[in-house]
């Protein structure tokens, strides 16, 4: 199964990153800017400048995994560095999701 299991540490980048970066580029950001080990098993979360996309990377023990999500409507609410440990805030009330008929 692909995905973290057990207790997982989640590290959130508080500033947007260049979303052209792939898993290797994001792993380098973890090493250089966060001064952390991208192969530690922690999940590292990044967002795009427009805040409608996020990428997550983590090491599953056999390889580096990259997950991405793009919202069709709305944006992710990203807390500033002062309250980064408070977690996520709900962006909108739950509603039916419209499934796109084509990509893009």
Protein backbone atom coordinates (compact mmCIF):
# COMPACT_ATOMS: atom_id res chain seq x y z
CA UNK A 1 0.00 0.00 0.00
CA UNK A 2 1.26 3.46 -0.85
CA UNK A 3 0.84 5.95 1.95
CA UNK A 4 2.10 6.67 5.42
CA UNK A 5 1.13 4.37 8.25
CA UNK A 6 1.20 4.79 12.00
CA UNK A 7 2.18 8.10 13.55
CA UNK A 8 3.32 10.56 10.90
CA UNK A 9 4.89 13.97 11.34
CA UNK A 10 3.57 16.61 8.92
CA UNK A 11 5.74 19.61 8.08
CA UNK A 12 4.09 22.54 6.27
CA UNK A 13 6.04 25.10 4.27
CA UNK A 14 4.66 28.49 5.32
CA UNK A 15 5.54 30.25 2.04
CA UNK A 16 4.44 29.32 -1.50
CA UNK A 17 6.91 27.45 -3.72
CA UNK A 18 7.57 27.30 -7.46
CA UNK A 19 5.12 24.61 -8.57
CA UNK A 20 7.24 23.65 -11.57
CA UNK A 21 9.39 21.72 -9.08
CA UNK A 22 9.01 17.97 -8.99
CA UNK A 23 9.75 15.63 -6.12
CA UNK A 24 13.53 16.04 -6.38
CA UNK A 25 13.28 19.85 -6.34
CA UNK A 26 10.89 19.80 -3.39
CA UNK A 27 13.16 17.35 -1.53
CA UNK A 28 16.03 19.79 -2.08
CA UNK A 29 13.90 22.60 -0.59
CA UNK A 30 13.26 20.41 2.46
CA UNK A 31 17.00 19.87 2.90
CA UNK A 32 18.18 23.41 2.20
CA UNK A 33 15.41 25.67 3.54
CA UNK A 34 13.69 23.54 6.16
CA UNK A 35 16.99 21.91 7.18
CA UNK A 36 15.24 18.57 7.48
CA UNK A 37 15.65 15.09 6.01
CA UNK A 38 13.17 14.44 3.17
CA UNK A 39 13.76 10.69 3.66
CA UNK A 40 12.72 10.66 7.33
CA UNK A 41 9.17 9.43 6.68
CA UNK A 42 7.61 12.81 7.50
CA UNK A 43 5.08 14.31 5.06
CA UNK A 44 6.15 17.68 3.62
CA UNK A 45 3.37 19.94 2.33
CA UNK A 46 3.81 22.81 -0.16
CA UNK A 47 1.35 25.19 -1.80
CA UNK A 48 1.35 27.17 -5.01
CA UNK A 49 1.26 30.97 -5.06
CA UNK A 50 -2.38 30.99 -6.22
CA UNK A 51 -3.26 28.72 -3.25
CA UNK A 52 -5.47 26.46 -5.38
CA UNK A 53 -2.87 23.66 -5.54
CA UNK A 54 -0.82 21.69 -3.02
CA UNK A 55 1.91 19.07 -3.32
CA UNK A 56 2.97 16.56 -0.67
CA UNK A 57 6.15 14.50 -0.68
CA UNK A 58 7.19 11.68 1.61
CA UNK A 59 9.54 8.72 1.70
CA UNK A 60 7.63 5.42 2.04
CA UNK A 61 10.73 3.31 2.65
CA UNK A 62 11.12 2.24 -0.97
CA UNK A 63 10.98 5.55 -2.84
CA UNK A 64 9.99 9.18 -2.73
CA UNK A 65 6.24 9.75 -3.31
CA UNK A 66 4.63 12.89 -4.73
CA UNK A 67 0.94 13.68 -4.34
CA UNK A 68 -0.73 16.72 -5.85
CA UNK A 69 -4.19 18.26 -5.57
CA UNK A 70 -5.78 21.10 -7.53
CA UNK A 71 -9.05 22.64 -6.39
CA UNK A 72 -11.58 23.35 -9.12
CA UNK A 73 -13.08 26.13 -6.97
CA UNK A 74 -11.78 28.05 -3.98
CA UNK A 75 -8.36 28.06 -2.36
CA UNK A 76 -6.55 26.40 0.52
CA UNK A 77 -6.40 28.66 3.55
CA UNK A 78 -2.79 28.74 4.63
CA UNK A 79 -2.00 30.05 8.05
CA UNK A 80 1.00 32.32 8.54
CA UNK A 81 4.14 31.25 10.33
CA UNK A 82 2.95 32.64 13.66
CA UNK A 83 0.00 30.25 13.86
CA UNK A 84 1.29 27.48 11.60
CA UNK A 85 0.84 24.88 14.34
CA UNK A 86 -2.92 25.48 14.62
CA UNK A 87 -3.53 23.22 11.60
CA UNK A 88 -6.00 23.57 8.75
CA UNK A 89 -9.08 25.73 8.68
CA UNK A 90 -12.21 24.67 6.77
CA UNK A 91 -12.46 26.67 3.54
CA UNK A 92 -16.19 26.21 2.93
CA UNK A 93 -19.12 24.19 4.14
CA UNK A 94 -19.40 20.66 2.82
CA UNK A 95 -21.16 20.45 -0.52
CA UNK A 96 -21.51 18.15 -3.48
CA UNK A 97 -18.36 18.02 -5.59
CA UNK A 98 -18.74 18.66 -9.31
CA UNK A 99 -16.68 16.14 -11.26
CA UNK A 100 -14.97 17.70 -14.30
CA UNK A 101 -15.70 16.05 -17.66
CA UNK A 102 -12.23 16.85 -19.00
CA UNK A 103 -8.85 17.86 -17.66
CA UNK A 104 -7.81 21.50 -17.62
